[in-house]
Protein backbone atom coordinates (compact mmCIF):
# COMPACT_ATOMS: atom_id res chain seq x y z
CA MET A 1 -5.82 11.26 11.01
CA GLY A 2 -5.82 7.49 10.57
CA VAL A 3 -2.90 5.20 11.33
CA TYR A 4 -2.63 1.97 9.34
CA ARG A 5 -0.18 -0.92 9.63
CA VAL A 6 0.36 -2.46 6.20
CA THR A 7 1.94 -5.89 5.73
CA PHE A 8 3.02 -6.93 2.24
CA ASP A 9 3.09 -10.43 0.76
CA ARG A 10 5.46 -9.02 -1.83
CA ILE A 11 6.30 -5.83 -3.75
CA GLY A 12 7.34 -6.55 -7.31
CA ARG A 13 10.12 -9.12 -7.12
CA ASN A 14 10.82 -8.37 -3.46
CA HIS A 15 9.25 -11.23 -1.50
CA PHE A 16 10.35 -9.88 1.88
CA PRO A 17 9.40 -6.18 1.96
CA PRO A 18 9.26 -4.44 5.33
CA PRO A 19 5.88 -3.44 6.79
CA LEU A 20 4.64 0.13 6.59
CA VAL A 21 3.06 2.31 9.25
CA ALA A 22 1.11 4.95 7.34
CA ARG A 23 -0.37 8.05 8.91
CA VAL A 24 -2.98 9.47 6.58
CA ASP A 25 -5.47 12.31 6.79
CA ASP A 26 -8.17 10.68 4.68
CA ALA A 27 -8.45 7.04 3.68
CA VAL A 28 -12.11 6.82 2.66
CA PHE A 29 -11.42 6.13 -1.01
CA ALA A 30 -10.42 2.79 -2.58
CA ALA A 31 -8.25 3.85 -5.55
CA LEU A 32 -5.10 5.95 -5.78
CA ILE A 33 -5.69 9.70 -5.65
CA GLU A 34 -2.38 11.43 -6.25
CA GLY A 35 -0.96 13.00 -3.10
CA ASP A 36 -3.64 11.77 -0.69
CA GLY A 37 -4.38 8.86 1.56
CA LEU A 38 -3.35 5.31 2.21
CA ALA A 39 -2.91 4.26 -1.43
CA SER A 40 -0.41 7.07 -1.98
CA GLU A 41 1.61 6.06 1.09
CA ILE A 42 1.65 2.44 -0.11
CA LEU A 43 2.84 3.56 -3.55
CA LYS A 44 5.71 5.58 -2.00
CA HIS A 45 6.70 2.58 0.11
CA ALA A 46 6.56 0.27 -2.92
CA ARG A 47 8.85 2.58 -4.88
CA LYS A 48 11.36 2.59 -2.01
CA ASN A 49 11.28 -1.20 -1.95
CA GLY A 50 12.04 -1.97 -5.57
CA LEU A 51 8.89 -1.39 -7.64
CA VAL A 52 10.10 0.21 -10.87
CA SER A 53 7.09 0.07 -13.22
CA ASN A 54 5.93 3.41 -14.64
CA GLU A 55 2.26 2.37 -14.71
CA VAL A 56 1.21 1.68 -11.13
CA GLU A 57 -2.19 1.62 -9.47
CA VAL A 58 -2.87 0.81 -5.82
CA ARG A 59 -6.29 -0.53 -4.85
CA CYS A 60 -7.40 -0.76 -1.22
CA ASP A 61 -10.48 -2.67 -0.07
CA PHE A 62 -11.36 -1.05 3.25
CA THR A 63 -14.07 -3.61 3.99
CA ALA A 64 -11.71 -6.58 3.70
CA GLY A 65 -8.51 -4.81 4.81
CA THR A 66 -6.68 -6.04 1.73
CA GLY A 67 -5.23 -4.54 -1.41
CA VAL A 68 -3.29 -5.03 -4.57
CA ILE A 69 -0.56 -3.16 -6.40
CA LEU A 70 -1.05 -3.25 -10.17
CA ALA A 71 2.14 -2.63 -12.12
CA GLY A 72 1.86 -2.40 -15.87
CA GLY A 73 -1.52 -4.12 -15.68
CA ARG A 74 -0.05 -7.07 -13.78
CA ASN A 75 -0.05 -8.06 -10.14
CA GLY A 76 2.82 -6.13 -8.57
CA GLY A 77 2.05 -7.29 -5.04
CA THR A 78 -0.62 -7.78 -2.45
CA PHE A 79 -1.01 -6.52 1.10
CA THR A 80 -3.21 -6.46 4.17
CA PHE A 81 -3.80 -3.53 6.49
CA VAL A 82 -5.35 -2.76 9.86
CA GLU A 83 -6.22 0.58 11.37
CA GLY A 84 -4.87 1.92 14.63
CA GLN A 85 -1.57 0.08 15.16
CA GLU A 86 1.37 2.47 15.63
CA THR A 87 4.26 0.03 15.79
CA ALA A 88 5.89 -1.76 12.86
CA GLY A 89 7.92 -4.92 13.10
């Protein structure tokens, strides 16, 4: 199980979203796979923090430790993440 601390530049119109500590079983993929991994946890967090678009895709670049939330084909937010940090805030 991997633990990732995710910090968001913004989520949708929310420019001050809280960070996320995600515990995931498998984060070896870069695109959203429904029900699995880091991208799914980020999507859940984005929904809780104001993202309302029906068409959402989360892309994670595990080499760079960065990602983007695409909402309706537009930039719905960006984030960075690091592995192995349990605490948020």
